Amino acid sequence: MTKSELIAELATANPHLRGADVELIVATIFDEISEALARGERVELRGFGAFTVKRRDARTGRNPRTGESVAVDEKAVPFFKAGKELRERVNLGGARRPAAERVTG
């Protein structure tokens, strides 16, 4: 699913909201997650998962075309770890648990 498909699906599911408002909501959520990660913060969405930033140390890599050694700088990489409910839902093939069961179990 692409970002535009997500916006279209949310707009269809929420006809009381204008399409432009749905687009703004989705963009704002993504921007807030990105900004928090840029500040080095962890973003946890219960039942969905957690976004963190992992550091990769500097290393010596190889140019695959020439085999020549290349210095690769240290960098930060966004990382996502799926939550329990998301893992269960994926393993069940997308079946939704009833709301009461999600709250208590």
C-alpha atoms as a PDB file:
ATOM      1  CA  MET A   1       0.000   0.000   0.000  1.00  0.00           C
ATOM      2  CA  THR A   2       1.315   3.419  -0.917  1.00  0.00           C
ATOM      3  CA  LYS A   3       0.818   6.645   1.022  1.00  0.00           C
ATOM      4  CA  SER A   4      -1.773   7.861  -1.514  1.00  0.00           C
ATOM      5  CA  GLU A   5      -3.645   4.539  -1.283  1.00  0.00           C
ATOM      6  CA  LEU A   6      -3.674   4.849   2.527  1.00  0.00           C
ATOM      7  CA  ILE A   7      -5.074   8.379   2.277  1.00  0.00           C
ATOM      8  CA  ALA A   8      -7.748   7.279  -0.205  1.00  0.00           C
ATOM      9  CA  GLU A   9      -8.771   4.329   1.985  1.00  0.00           C
ATOM     10  CA  LEU A  10      -8.980   6.474   5.129  1.00  0.00           C
ATOM     11  CA  ALA A  11     -10.981   9.140   3.272  1.00  0.00           C
ATOM     12  CA  THR A  12     -13.427   6.480   2.053  1.00  0.00           C
ATOM     13  CA  ALA A  13     -13.771   4.995   5.550  1.00  0.00           C
ATOM     14  CA  ASN A  14     -14.335   8.480   7.052  1.00  0.00           C
ATOM     15  CA  PRO A  15     -16.676  10.351   4.697  1.00  0.00           C
ATOM     16  CA  HIS A  16     -17.199  13.083   7.308  1.00  0.00           C
ATOM     17  CA  LEU A  17     -13.584  14.201   6.743  1.00  0.00           C
ATOM     18  CA  ARG A  18     -12.425  16.090   3.653  1.00  0.00           C
ATOM     19  CA  GLY A  19      -9.757  14.371   1.565  1.00  0.00           C
ATOM     20  CA  ALA A  20      -7.375  17.267   2.170  1.00  0.00           C
ATOM     21  CA  ASP A  21      -7.843  16.878   5.937  1.00  0.00           C
ATOM     22  CA  VAL A  22      -7.078  13.149   5.772  1.00  0.00           C
ATOM     23  CA  GLU A  23      -3.951  13.909   3.738  1.00  0.00           C
ATOM     24  CA  LEU A  24      -2.859  16.489   6.330  1.00  0.00           C
ATOM     25  CA  ILE A  25      -3.444  14.026   9.192  1.00  0.00           C
ATOM     26  CA  VAL A  26      -1.373  11.282   7.541  1.00  0.00           C
ATOM     27  CA  ALA A  27       1.428  13.717   6.618  1.00  0.00           C
ATOM     28  CA  THR A  28       1.477  15.117  10.166  1.00  0.00           C
ATOM     29  CA  ILE A  29       1.755  11.643  11.722  1.00  0.00           C
ATOM     30  CA  PHE A  30       4.623  10.680   9.409  1.00  0.00           C
ATOM     31  CA  ASP A  31       6.379  14.003  10.008  1.00  0.00           C
ATOM     32  CA  GLU A  32       6.107  13.662  13.794  1.00  0.00           C
ATOM     33  CA  ILE A  33       7.525  10.118  13.695  1.00  0.00           C
ATOM     34  CA  SER A  34      10.383  11.285  11.431  1.00  0.00           C
ATOM     35  CA  GLU A  35      11.191  14.293  13.620  1.00  0.00           C
ATOM     36  CA  ALA A  36      11.195  12.213  16.809  1.00  0.00           C
ATOM     37  CA  LEU A  37      13.588   9.706  15.221  1.00  0.00           C
ATOM     38  CA  ALA A  38      15.825  12.548  14.020  1.00  0.00           C
ATOM     39  CA  ARG A  39      16.029  13.728  17.655  1.00  0.00           C
ATOM     40  CA  GLY A  40      17.063  10.187  18.656  1.00  0.00           C
ATOM     41  CA  GLU A  41      13.771   9.420  20.389  1.00  0.00           C
ATOM     42  CA  ARG A  42      11.881   6.133  20.330  1.00  0.00           C
ATOM     43  CA  VAL A  43       8.320   6.111  18.950  1.00  0.00           C
ATOM     44  CA  GLU A  44       6.067   3.372  20.300  1.00  0.00           C
ATOM     45  CA  LEU A  45       2.582   2.711  18.944  1.00  0.00           C
ATOM     46  CA  ARG A  46       1.035   0.104  21.262  1.00  0.00           C
ATOM     47  CA  GLY A  47      -0.222  -2.951  19.404  1.00  0.00           C
ATOM     48  CA  PHE A  48       1.531  -1.837  16.218  1.00  0.00           C
ATOM     49  CA  GLY A  49       5.241  -1.549  16.954  1.00  0.00           C
ATOM     50  CA  ALA A  50       8.155   0.681  17.814  1.00  0.00           C
ATOM     51  CA  PHE A  51      10.408   2.853  15.681  1.00  0.00           C
ATOM     52  CA  THR A  52      13.973   3.405  16.879  1.00  0.00           C
ATOM     53  CA  VAL A  53      17.272   4.577  15.452  1.00  0.00           C
ATOM     54  CA  LYS A  54      20.218   2.199  15.339  1.00  0.00           C
ATOM     55  CA  ARG A  55      23.807   3.322  14.811  1.00  0.00           C
ATOM     56  CA  ARG A  56      26.024   1.536  12.345  1.00  0.00           C
ATOM     57  CA  ASP A  57      29.737   1.919  13.018  1.00  0.00           C
ATOM     58  CA  ALA A  58      32.169   3.088  10.374  1.00  0.00           C
ATOM     59  CA  ARG A  59      33.653   0.198   8.443  1.00  0.00           C
ATOM     60  CA  THR A  60      35.637  -0.737   5.396  1.00  0.00           C
ATOM     61  CA  GLY A  61      33.443  -1.918   2.542  1.00  0.00           C
ATOM     62  CA  ARG A  62      34.170  -3.156  -0.943  1.00  0.00           C
ATOM     63  CA  ASN A  63      33.162  -1.692  -4.279  1.00  0.00           C
ATOM     64  CA  PRO A  64      31.350  -4.664  -5.884  1.00  0.00           C
ATOM     65  CA  ARG A  65      32.375  -3.630  -9.378  1.00  0.00           C
ATOM     66  CA  THR A  66      36.127  -3.229  -8.778  1.00  0.00           C
ATOM     67  CA  GLY A  67      36.702  -5.042  -5.471  1.00  0.00           C
ATOM     68  CA  GLU A  68      38.458  -1.912  -4.201  1.00  0.00           C
ATOM     69  CA  SER A  69      38.260  -1.102  -0.464  1.00  0.00           C
ATOM     70  CA  VAL A  70      36.002   1.834   0.371  1.00  0.00           C
ATOM     71  CA  ALA A  71      35.599   3.665   3.682  1.00  0.00           C
ATOM     72  CA  VAL A  72      31.951   3.666   4.832  1.00  0.00           C
ATOM     73  CA  ASP A  73      31.130   6.340   7.411  1.00  0.00           C
ATOM     74  CA  GLU A  74      29.167   5.805  10.622  1.00  0.00           C
ATOM     75  CA  LYS A  75      25.446   6.305  10.076  1.00  0.00           C
ATOM     76  CA  ALA A  76      22.059   6.192  11.755  1.00  0.00           C
ATOM     77  CA  VAL A  77      19.453   3.812  10.367  1.00  0.00           C
ATOM     78  CA  PRO A  78      15.716   3.823  11.215  1.00  0.00           C
ATOM     79  CA  PHE A  79      14.542   0.483  12.617  1.00  0.00           C
ATOM     80  CA  PHE A  80      11.014  -0.881  13.134  1.00  0.00           C
ATOM     81  CA  LYS A  81      10.092  -3.706  15.477  1.00  0.00           C
ATOM     82  CA  ALA A  82       6.553  -5.046  15.072  1.00  0.00           C
ATOM     83  CA  GLY A  83       4.370  -5.279  18.173  1.00  0.00           C
ATOM     84  CA  LYS A  84       2.685  -8.446  19.383  1.00  0.00           C
ATOM     85  CA  GLU A  85      -0.764  -7.582  18.013  1.00  0.00           C
ATOM     86  CA  LEU A  86       0.632  -6.741  14.563  1.00  0.00           C
ATOM     87  CA  ARG A  87       2.640  -9.994  14.449  1.00  0.00           C
ATOM     88  CA  GLU A  88      -0.430 -11.995  15.459  1.00  0.00           C
ATOM     89  CA  ARG A  89      -2.613 -10.262  12.877  1.00  0.00           C
ATOM     90  CA  VAL A  90      -0.066 -10.884  10.108  1.00  0.00           C
ATOM     91  CA  ASN A  91       0.209 -14.539  11.088  1.00  0.00           C
ATOM     92  CA  LEU A  92      -3.591 -14.909  11.043  1.00  0.00           C
ATOM     93  CA  GLY A  93      -3.714 -13.495   7.533  1.00  0.00           C
ATOM     94  CA  GLY A  94      -5.207 -10.120   8.468  1.00  0.00           C
ATOM     95  CA  ALA A  95      -8.115 -11.410  10.545  1.00  0.00           C
ATOM     96  CA  ARG A  96      -9.237  -8.802  13.080  1.00  0.00           C
ATOM     97  CA  ARG A  97      -9.792  -9.684  16.695  1.00  0.00           C
ATOM     98  CA  PRO A  98     -13.018  -8.343  18.216  1.00  0.00           C
ATOM     99  CA  ALA A  99     -12.543  -4.965  19.967  1.00  0.00           C
ATOM    100  CA  ALA A 100     -13.336  -6.386  23.424  1.00  0.00           C
ATOM    101  CA  GLU A 101     -10.717  -9.086  22.951  1.00  0.00           C
ATOM    102  CA  ARG A 102      -8.111  -6.509  21.841  1.00  0.00           C
ATOM    103  CA  VAL A 103      -8.678  -4.420  24.953  1.00  0.00           C
ATOM    104  CA  THR A 104      -8.534  -7.279  27.442  1.00  0.00           C
ATOM    105  CA  GLY A 105      -6.288  -9.805  25.773  1.00  0.00           C
END
